Amino acid sequence: MNDRRATFLPQVWDSIPDKRRFIAELVAKAGLPADTRLARCRVLRYRVVKWREADLASH
């Protein structure tokens, strides 16, 4: 299969909290068929530090 990739920032969990739907949306974003077997996929998780400009100015 082609080397397809997709990523969502962790904040996307706020708008798609259902894990099955989250994965389905990620698979679609990668351009993979909906019936793609996840056993053939490599899944990585990561964290981000989120801030606003106002938060930086107050320090």
C-alpha atoms as a PDB file:
ATOM      1  CA  MET A   1       0.000   0.000   0.000  1.00  0.00           C
ATOM      2  CA  ASN A   2       1.147   3.566  -0.587  1.00  0.00           C
ATOM      3  CA  ASP A   3       2.810   5.410   2.240  1.00  0.00           C
ATOM      4  CA  ARG A   4      -0.118   7.532   3.388  1.00  0.00           C
ATOM      5  CA  ARG A   5      -0.045   9.812   6.410  1.00  0.00           C
ATOM      6  CA  ALA A   6      -2.439  11.952   8.371  1.00  0.00           C
ATOM      7  CA  THR A   7      -2.332  13.724  11.683  1.00  0.00           C
ATOM      8  CA  PHE A   8      -4.712  15.530  13.978  1.00  0.00           C
ATOM      9  CA  LEU A   9      -3.640  17.825  16.774  1.00  0.00           C
ATOM     10  CA  PRO A  10      -4.641  16.420  20.161  1.00  0.00           C
ATOM     11  CA  GLN A  11      -7.256  19.176  20.477  1.00  0.00           C
ATOM     12  CA  VAL A  12      -9.327  17.423  17.789  1.00  0.00           C
ATOM     13  CA  TRP A  13     -10.454  15.035  20.556  1.00  0.00           C
ATOM     14  CA  ASP A  14     -12.584  17.969  21.780  1.00  0.00           C
ATOM     15  CA  SER A  15     -14.636  17.894  18.569  1.00  0.00           C
ATOM     16  CA  ILE A  16     -14.467  14.127  17.889  1.00  0.00           C
ATOM     17  CA  PRO A  17     -14.428  12.435  21.330  1.00  0.00           C
ATOM     18  CA  ASP A  18     -15.672   9.043  20.037  1.00  0.00           C
ATOM     19  CA  LYS A  19     -12.535   6.971  19.378  1.00  0.00           C
ATOM     20  CA  ARG A  20     -14.034   4.917  16.520  1.00  0.00           C
ATOM     21  CA  ARG A  21     -15.173   8.055  14.708  1.00  0.00           C
ATOM     22  CA  PHE A  22     -11.834   9.758  15.437  1.00  0.00           C
ATOM     23  CA  ILE A  23      -9.938   6.884  13.777  1.00  0.00           C
ATOM     24  CA  ALA A  24     -12.411   6.801  10.869  1.00  0.00           C
ATOM     25  CA  GLU A  25     -11.853  10.528  10.277  1.00  0.00           C
ATOM     26  CA  LEU A  26      -8.095  10.062  10.454  1.00  0.00           C
ATOM     27  CA  VAL A  27      -8.217   7.164   7.971  1.00  0.00           C
ATOM     28  CA  ALA A  28     -10.285   9.327   5.605  1.00  0.00           C
ATOM     29  CA  LYS A  29      -7.857  12.239   5.991  1.00  0.00           C
ATOM     30  CA  ALA A  30      -5.021   9.918   4.955  1.00  0.00           C
ATOM     31  CA  GLY A  31      -6.973   9.022   1.814  1.00  0.00           C
ATOM     32  CA  LEU A  32      -7.278   5.369   2.828  1.00  0.00           C
ATOM     33  CA  PRO A  33     -10.344   3.212   2.223  1.00  0.00           C
ATOM     34  CA  ALA A  34     -12.756   3.087   5.167  1.00  0.00           C
ATOM     35  CA  ASP A  35     -12.219  -0.677   5.492  1.00  0.00           C
ATOM     36  CA  THR A  36      -8.434  -0.360   5.966  1.00  0.00           C
ATOM     37  CA  ARG A  37      -7.182  -2.877   8.531  1.00  0.00           C
ATOM     38  CA  LEU A  38      -5.540  -0.952  11.325  1.00  0.00           C
ATOM     39  CA  ALA A  39      -3.218  -3.891  12.001  1.00  0.00           C
ATOM     40  CA  ARG A  40      -1.372  -2.772   8.874  1.00  0.00           C
ATOM     41  CA  CYS A  41      -1.077   0.823  10.098  1.00  0.00           C
ATOM     42  CA  ARG A  42       1.465   2.428  12.358  1.00  0.00           C
ATOM     43  CA  VAL A  43      -0.201   4.765  14.817  1.00  0.00           C
ATOM     44  CA  LEU A  44       1.702   7.315  16.869  1.00  0.00           C
ATOM     45  CA  ARG A  45       0.408   9.548  19.645  1.00  0.00           C
ATOM     46  CA  TYR A  46       1.911  12.838  20.688  1.00  0.00           C
ATOM     47  CA  ARG A  47       1.228  15.766  22.975  1.00  0.00           C
ATOM     48  CA  VAL A  48       1.442  19.472  22.355  1.00  0.00           C
ATOM     49  CA  VAL A  49       1.796  22.542  24.511  1.00  0.00           C
ATOM     50  CA  LYS A  50      -1.005  24.941  23.649  1.00  0.00           C
ATOM     51  CA  TRP A  51      -0.937  28.633  24.456  1.00  0.00           C
ATOM     52  CA  ARG A  52      -2.352  31.945  23.296  1.00  0.00           C
ATOM     53  CA  GLU A  53      -0.447  35.132  22.581  1.00  0.00           C
ATOM     54  CA  ALA A  54      -2.141  36.754  25.607  1.00  0.00           C
ATOM     55  CA  ASP A  55      -0.705  33.987  27.823  1.00  0.00           C
ATOM     56  CA  LEU A  56       2.812  34.837  26.631  1.00  0.00           C
ATOM     57  CA  ALA A  57       2.368  38.580  27.161  1.00  0.00           C
ATOM     58  CA  SER A  58       1.311  38.176  30.791  1.00  0.00           C
ATOM     59  CA  HIS A  59       4.597  36.534  31.830  1.00  0.00           C
END
